[in-house]
Amino acid sequence: MAPKDIKDIYDNFSSSATNSIKRANKLHLQIVESKSIVELSDIMFARKIINEKERTVLHKLWDNLLTNNCCFSLYIKDLEHNHIYCGGAFIIDQDRLIFLASALDFKFKKSGAASLLVWSAIQKAKQ
């Protein structure tokens, strides 16, 4: 049987995932929702996940999605030090949330930011 509420979903996470989320919370990382994909594409480009041509295509796709008001991005940030730990891009399709892309600044790979990003997206999807 599928989990019914957000608490059930969290309770079904592995201890590794919940420990990562707790680690991110101890670092006081903030979840920031945005309509921009620029910061995410910057991380993706710096990590060589995408090249310049793919980055341009991603921005054009995102602009089209924005026109239809069916997308958002989430960033996990340390606002005090102005660091972006990771980000993700999401498409809203009727009653579904599609995880389009994500990237993590590798300096922060042990911060739990990636798990916090996924958990934040799940919470938003359940709203």
N, C-alpha and C. Protein backbone atom coordinates (compact mmCIF):
# COMPACT_ATOMS: atom_id res chain seq x y z
N MET A 1 0.85 -1.18 0.00
CA MET A 1 0.00 0.00 0.00
C MET A 1 0.89 1.25 0.00
N ALA A 2 0.54 2.21 -0.80
CA ALA A 2 1.32 3.44 -0.92
C ALA A 2 1.15 4.30 0.33
N PRO A 3 2.20 5.03 0.72
CA PRO A 3 2.08 5.93 1.87
C PRO A 3 0.98 6.96 1.62
N LYS A 4 0.24 7.28 2.67
CA LYS A 4 -0.91 8.17 2.52
C LYS A 4 -0.59 9.63 2.81
N ASP A 5 0.27 9.88 3.76
CA ASP A 5 0.56 11.27 4.07
C ASP A 5 2.07 11.49 4.12
N ILE A 6 2.44 12.73 4.31
CA ILE A 6 3.85 13.11 4.24
C ILE A 6 4.67 12.43 5.32
N LYS A 7 4.09 12.24 6.50
CA LYS A 7 4.80 11.56 7.59
C LYS A 7 5.08 10.10 7.21
N ASP A 8 4.11 9.45 6.59
CA ASP A 8 4.31 8.06 6.15
C ASP A 8 5.45 7.96 5.13
N ILE A 9 5.50 8.93 4.24
CA ILE A 9 6.56 8.94 3.23
C ILE A 9 7.92 9.07 3.92
N TYR A 10 8.04 10.04 4.82
CA TYR A 10 9.31 10.25 5.52
C TYR A 10 9.69 9.01 6.33
N ASP A 11 8.72 8.42 6.99
CA ASP A 11 8.98 7.23 7.80
C ASP A 11 9.44 6.04 6.97
N ASN A 12 9.16 6.05 5.69
CA ASN A 12 9.59 4.96 4.80
C ASN A 12 10.95 5.21 4.15
N PHE A 13 11.56 6.36 4.41
CA PHE A 13 12.91 6.62 3.92
C PHE A 13 13.90 5.73 4.66
N SER A 14 15.01 5.45 4.01
CA SER A 14 16.08 4.72 4.68
C SER A 14 16.70 5.61 5.76
N SER A 15 17.37 5.00 6.71
CA SER A 15 18.04 5.78 7.75
C SER A 15 19.13 6.66 7.14
N SER A 16 19.73 6.21 6.07
CA SER A 16 20.73 7.01 5.37
C SER A 16 20.13 8.31 4.84
N ALA A 17 18.95 8.22 4.24
CA ALA A 17 18.27 9.41 3.70
C ALA A 17 17.85 10.35 4.82
N THR A 18 17.27 9.82 5.88
CA THR A 18 16.82 10.69 6.98
C THR A 18 18.02 11.32 7.70
N ASN A 19 19.12 10.58 7.82
CA ASN A 19 20.33 11.16 8.43
C ASN A 19 20.88 12.28 7.56
N SER A 20 20.82 12.13 6.25
CA SER A 20 21.28 13.19 5.34
C SER A 20 20.42 14.44 5.48
N ILE A 21 19.12 14.25 5.57
CA ILE A 21 18.20 15.39 5.74
C ILE A 21 18.48 16.09 7.07
N LYS A 22 18.69 15.32 8.12
CA LYS A 22 19.01 15.89 9.44
C LYS A 22 20.33 16.66 9.38
N ARG A 23 21.32 16.12 8.66
CA ARG A 23 22.61 16.79 8.51
C ARG A 23 22.43 18.15 7.83
N ALA A 24 21.63 18.18 6.78
CA ALA A 24 21.38 19.44 6.07
C ALA A 24 20.66 20.44 6.98
N ASN A 25 19.73 19.95 7.78
CA ASN A 25 19.01 20.84 8.70
C ASN A 25 19.94 21.39 9.78
N LYS A 26 20.88 20.58 10.25
CA LYS A 26 21.84 21.05 11.26
C LYS A 26 22.72 22.15 10.70
N LEU A 27 22.96 22.13 9.40
CA LEU A 27 23.75 23.17 8.74
C LEU A 27 22.92 24.43 8.47
N HIS A 28 21.64 24.37 8.83
CA HIS A 28 20.70 25.49 8.62
C HIS A 28 20.56 25.87 7.16
N LEU A 29 20.60 24.84 6.30
CA LEU A 29 20.42 25.09 4.87
C LEU A 29 18.96 25.46 4.61
N GLN A 30 18.77 26.35 3.69
CA GLN A 30 17.44 26.85 3.37
C GLN A 30 16.98 26.34 2.01
N ILE A 31 15.69 26.10 1.90
CA ILE A 31 15.08 25.71 0.64
C ILE A 31 14.52 26.98 0.01
N VAL A 32 14.97 27.27 -1.19
CA VAL A 32 14.53 28.48 -1.88
C VAL A 32 13.88 28.07 -3.19
N GLU A 33 12.61 28.47 -3.35
CA GLU A 33 11.93 28.19 -4.61
C GLU A 33 12.15 29.37 -5.55
N SER A 34 12.29 29.06 -6.82
CA SER A 34 12.60 30.08 -7.81
C SER A 34 11.95 29.72 -9.14
N LYS A 35 11.85 30.69 -10.01
CA LYS A 35 11.44 30.44 -11.40
C LYS A 35 12.65 30.40 -12.31
N SER A 36 13.82 30.69 -11.76
CA SER A 36 15.04 30.75 -12.56
C SER A 36 15.77 29.41 -12.57
N ILE A 37 16.36 29.11 -13.69
CA ILE A 37 17.19 27.91 -13.82
C ILE A 37 18.66 28.28 -14.00
N VAL A 38 18.97 29.55 -13.96
CA VAL A 38 20.33 30.03 -14.23
C VAL A 38 21.33 29.44 -13.25
N GLU A 39 21.04 29.50 -11.96
CA GLU A 39 21.99 29.00 -10.96
C GLU A 39 22.20 27.50 -11.13
N LEU A 40 21.13 26.78 -11.42
CA LEU A 40 21.25 25.34 -11.64
C LEU A 40 22.10 25.05 -12.88
N SER A 41 21.84 25.76 -13.95
CA SER A 41 22.63 25.53 -15.16
C SER A 41 24.09 25.92 -14.95
N ASP A 42 24.34 26.91 -14.10
CA ASP A 42 25.72 27.27 -13.77
C ASP A 42 26.44 26.11 -13.10
N ILE A 43 25.77 25.47 -12.14
CA ILE A 43 26.37 24.31 -11.46
C ILE A 43 26.57 23.18 -12.46
N MET A 44 25.57 22.92 -13.28
CA MET A 44 25.66 21.84 -14.26
C MET A 44 26.80 22.07 -15.24
N PHE A 45 26.96 23.31 -15.66
CA PHE A 45 28.03 23.65 -16.60
C PHE A 45 29.40 23.52 -15.92
N ALA A 46 29.51 24.03 -14.70
CA ALA A 46 30.78 23.95 -13.98
C ALA A 46 31.19 22.50 -13.72
N ARG A 47 30.21 21.65 -13.48
CA ARG A 47 30.48 20.22 -13.23
C ARG A 47 30.63 19.42 -14.52
N LYS A 48 30.50 20.11 -15.66
CA LYS A 48 30.60 19.47 -16.99
C LYS A 48 29.50 18.43 -17.21
N ILE A 49 28.35 18.67 -16.61
CA ILE A 49 27.18 17.84 -16.84
C ILE A 49 26.56 18.21 -18.18
N ILE A 50 26.62 19.51 -18.49
CA ILE A 50 26.15 20.01 -19.78
C ILE A 50 27.22 20.92 -20.37
N ASN A 51 27.17 21.04 -21.71
CA ASN A 51 28.08 21.98 -22.37
C ASN A 51 27.31 23.26 -22.69
N GLU A 52 27.97 24.20 -23.33
CA GLU A 52 27.34 25.50 -23.60
C GLU A 52 26.11 25.37 -24.50
N LYS A 53 26.20 24.52 -25.52
CA LYS A 53 25.05 24.33 -26.42
C LYS A 53 23.87 23.73 -25.67
N GLU A 54 24.12 22.73 -24.86
CA GLU A 54 23.04 22.11 -24.07
C GLU A 54 22.46 23.09 -23.06
N ARG A 55 23.31 23.93 -22.53
CA ARG A 55 22.85 24.95 -21.58
C ARG A 55 21.88 25.91 -22.27
N THR A 56 22.21 26.32 -23.49
CA THR A 56 21.33 27.21 -24.25
C THR A 56 19.99 26.54 -24.52
N VAL A 57 20.03 25.27 -24.90
CA VAL A 57 18.79 24.53 -25.16
C VAL A 57 17.96 24.42 -23.88
N LEU A 58 18.63 24.13 -22.76
CA LEU A 58 17.92 24.04 -21.48
C LEU A 58 17.24 25.36 -21.13
N HIS A 59 17.92 26.46 -21.36
CA HIS A 59 17.34 27.78 -21.06
C HIS A 59 16.13 28.05 -21.97
N LYS A 60 16.21 27.68 -23.23
CA LYS A 60 15.06 27.87 -24.14
C LYS A 60 13.88 27.01 -23.71
N LEU A 61 14.15 25.76 -23.35
CA LEU A 61 13.10 24.88 -22.85
C LEU A 61 12.46 25.49 -21.61
N TRP A 62 13.29 25.96 -20.71
CA TRP A 62 12.79 26.54 -19.45
C TRP A 62 11.93 27.77 -19.72
N ASP A 63 12.37 28.61 -20.65
CA ASP A 63 11.58 29.81 -21.00
C ASP A 63 10.19 29.41 -21.51
N ASN A 64 10.12 28.35 -22.32
CA ASN A 64 8.82 27.86 -22.80
C ASN A 64 7.97 27.32 -21.66
N LEU A 65 8.58 26.62 -20.76
CA LEU A 65 7.84 26.10 -19.60
C LEU A 65 7.34 27.24 -18.72
N LEU A 66 8.17 28.25 -18.55
CA LEU A 66 7.76 29.42 -17.75
C LEU A 66 6.56 30.13 -18.38
N THR A 67 6.56 30.21 -19.70
CA THR A 67 5.45 30.84 -20.41
C THR A 67 4.14 30.15 -20.07
N ASN A 68 4.20 28.84 -19.89
CA ASN A 68 3.02 28.06 -19.55
C ASN A 68 2.83 27.89 -18.04
N ASN A 69 3.67 28.56 -17.27
CA ASN A 69 3.58 28.53 -15.81
C ASN A 69 3.51 27.10 -15.26
N CYS A 70 4.37 26.24 -15.78
CA CYS A 70 4.32 24.83 -15.36
C CYS A 70 5.68 24.31 -14.89
N CYS A 71 6.47 25.20 -14.27
CA CYS A 71 7.78 24.76 -13.79
C CYS A 71 8.22 25.61 -12.62
N PHE A 72 9.16 25.07 -11.89
CA PHE A 72 9.81 25.80 -10.81
C PHE A 72 11.14 25.12 -10.52
N SER A 73 11.99 25.83 -9.84
CA SER A 73 13.25 25.23 -9.40
C SER A 73 13.34 25.38 -7.89
N LEU A 74 14.07 24.47 -7.29
CA LEU A 74 14.37 24.52 -5.87
C LEU A 74 15.87 24.57 -5.71
N TYR A 75 16.31 25.38 -4.79
CA TYR A 75 17.73 25.47 -4.46
C TYR A 75 17.90 25.24 -2.97
N ILE A 76 18.96 24.54 -2.63
CA ILE A 76 19.34 24.38 -1.24
C ILE A 76 20.53 25.31 -1.04
N LYS A 77 20.33 26.29 -0.15
CA LYS A 77 21.32 27.35 0.00
C LYS A 77 21.70 27.57 1.46
N ASP A 78 22.92 28.05 1.63
CA ASP A 78 23.38 28.60 2.89
C ASP A 78 23.29 30.11 2.69
N LEU A 79 22.21 30.70 3.17
CA LEU A 79 21.98 32.11 2.92
C LEU A 79 22.99 33.00 3.64
N GLU A 80 23.46 32.54 4.80
CA GLU A 80 24.43 33.33 5.56
C GLU A 80 25.73 33.52 4.79
N HIS A 81 26.19 32.48 4.10
CA HIS A 81 27.44 32.55 3.36
C HIS A 81 27.24 32.66 1.84
N ASN A 82 25.98 32.76 1.43
CA ASN A 82 25.62 32.92 0.03
C ASN A 82 26.18 31.79 -0.86
N HIS A 83 26.03 30.55 -0.37
CA HIS A 83 26.46 29.37 -1.13
C HIS A 83 25.23 28.61 -1.60
N ILE A 84 25.27 28.16 -2.84
CA ILE A 84 24.25 27.25 -3.35
C ILE A 84 24.85 25.85 -3.29
N TYR A 85 24.22 24.99 -2.52
CA TYR A 85 24.71 23.62 -2.38
C TYR A 85 24.24 22.76 -3.54
N CYS A 86 22.97 22.89 -3.88
CA CYS A 86 22.44 22.13 -5.02
C CYS A 86 21.14 22.76 -5.48
N GLY A 87 20.69 22.28 -6.63
CA GLY A 87 19.44 22.78 -7.18
C GLY A 87 18.78 21.72 -8.03
N GLY A 88 17.49 21.91 -8.23
CA GLY A 88 16.74 20.99 -9.06
C GLY A 88 15.67 21.73 -9.84
N ALA A 89 15.37 21.22 -11.02
CA ALA A 89 14.35 21.80 -11.89
C ALA A 89 13.19 20.81 -12.01
N PHE A 90 11.98 21.33 -11.91
CA PHE A 90 10.79 20.49 -11.88
C PHE A 90 9.72 21.02 -12.84
N ILE A 91 9.03 20.09 -13.46
CA ILE A 91 7.93 20.42 -14.36
C ILE A 91 6.64 19.91 -13.71
N ILE A 92 5.62 20.75 -13.73
CA ILE A 92 4.31 20.37 -13.21
C ILE A 92 3.46 19.94 -14.39
N ASP A 93 2.98 18.71 -14.35
CA ASP A 93 2.14 18.16 -15.43
C ASP A 93 0.89 17.57 -14.79
N GLN A 94 -0.18 18.33 -14.82
CA GLN A 94 -1.44 17.95 -14.21
C GLN A 94 -1.21 17.55 -12.76
N ASP A 95 -1.37 16.29 -12.44
CA ASP A 95 -1.21 15.86 -11.04
C ASP A 95 0.14 15.21 -10.78
N ARG A 96 1.11 15.48 -11.66
CA ARG A 96 2.45 14.90 -11.51
C ARG A 96 3.51 15.99 -11.40
N LEU A 97 4.57 15.65 -10.72
CA LEU A 97 5.73 16.51 -10.66
C LEU A 97 6.89 15.75 -11.29
N ILE A 98 7.46 16.30 -12.35
CA ILE A 98 8.53 15.65 -13.09
C ILE A 98 9.85 16.29 -12.69
N PHE A 99 10.79 15.47 -12.26
CA PHE A 99 12.13 15.91 -11.87
C PHE A 99 12.96 15.99 -13.14
N LEU A 100 13.17 17.20 -13.64
CA LEU A 100 13.85 17.40 -14.92
C LEU A 100 15.37 17.29 -14.81
N ALA A 101 15.93 17.98 -13.83
CA ALA A 101 17.39 18.02 -13.73
C ALA A 101 17.79 18.45 -12.32
N SER A 102 18.99 18.05 -11.93
CA SER A 102 19.55 18.51 -10.67
C SER A 102 21.07 18.49 -10.75
N ALA A 103 21.67 19.23 -9.86
CA ALA A 103 23.13 19.23 -9.77
C ALA A 103 23.51 19.68 -8.36
N LEU A 104 24.66 19.15 -7.93
CA LEU A 104 25.18 19.42 -6.60
C LEU A 104 26.58 19.98 -6.75
N ASP A 105 26.86 21.06 -6.03
CA ASP A 105 28.22 21.55 -5.95
C ASP A 105 29.01 20.50 -5.17
N PHE A 106 29.98 19.89 -5.81
CA PHE A 106 30.67 18.74 -5.24
C PHE A 106 31.39 19.04 -3.93
N LYS A 107 31.68 20.31 -3.66
CA LYS A 107 32.30 20.69 -2.38
C LYS A 107 31.38 20.33 -1.21
N PHE A 108 30.08 20.23 -1.50
CA PHE A 108 29.10 20.04 -0.44
C PHE A 108 28.42 18.67 -0.52
N LYS A 109 29.11 17.69 -1.11
CA LYS A 109 28.47 16.40 -1.36
C LYS A 109 28.07 15.67 -0.08
N LYS A 110 28.71 15.94 1.03
CA LYS A 110 28.39 15.25 2.28
C LYS A 110 27.49 16.08 3.20
N SER A 111 26.92 17.14 2.66
CA SER A 111 26.11 18.05 3.46
C SER A 111 24.68 17.56 3.68
N GLY A 112 24.23 16.63 2.87
CA GLY A 112 22.84 16.19 2.93
C GLY A 112 21.92 17.04 2.06
N ALA A 113 22.49 17.99 1.33
CA ALA A 113 21.69 18.92 0.53
C ALA A 113 20.88 18.21 -0.55
N ALA A 114 21.45 17.21 -1.18
CA ALA A 114 20.72 16.51 -2.25
C ALA A 114 19.50 15.79 -1.69
N SER A 115 19.64 15.17 -0.54
CA SER A 115 18.49 14.50 0.09
C SER A 115 17.44 15.52 0.51
N LEU A 116 17.90 16.66 1.03
CA LEU A 116 16.96 17.72 1.40
C LEU A 116 16.22 18.25 0.18
N LEU A 117 16.91 18.34 -0.95
CA LEU A 117 16.27 18.79 -2.19
C LEU A 117 15.13 17.84 -2.59
N VAL A 118 15.41 16.55 -2.59
CA VAL A 118 14.39 15.57 -2.96
C VAL A 118 13.23 15.59 -1.97
N TRP A 119 13.55 15.65 -0.69
CA TRP A 119 12.50 15.69 0.34
C TRP A 119 11.64 16.94 0.18
N SER A 120 12.25 18.07 -0.12
CA SER A 120 11.50 19.33 -0.33
C SER A 120 10.58 19.22 -1.53
N ALA A 121 11.07 18.60 -2.59
CA ALA A 121 10.24 18.42 -3.79
C ALA A 121 9.05 17.50 -3.50
N ILE A 122 9.27 16.46 -2.74
CA ILE A 122 8.17 15.55 -2.35
C ILE A 122 7.13 16.31 -1.54
N GLN A 123 7.59 17.11 -0.60
CA GLN A 123 6.65 17.90 0.22
C GLN A 123 5.85 18.86 -0.65
N LYS A 124 6.51 19.51 -1.59
CA LYS A 124 5.81 20.44 -2.47
C LYS A 124 4.80 19.69 -3.34
N ALA A 125 5.18 18.51 -3.83
CA ALA A 125 4.28 17.72 -4.67
C ALA A 125 3.03 17.29 -3.91
N LYS A 126 3.19 17.03 -2.62
CA LYS A 126 2.05 16.58 -1.81
C LYS A 126 1.09 17.72 -1.48
N GLN A 127 1.53 18.97 -1.62
CA GLN A 127 0.67 20.12 -1.27
C GLN A 127 -0.45 20.28 -2.27
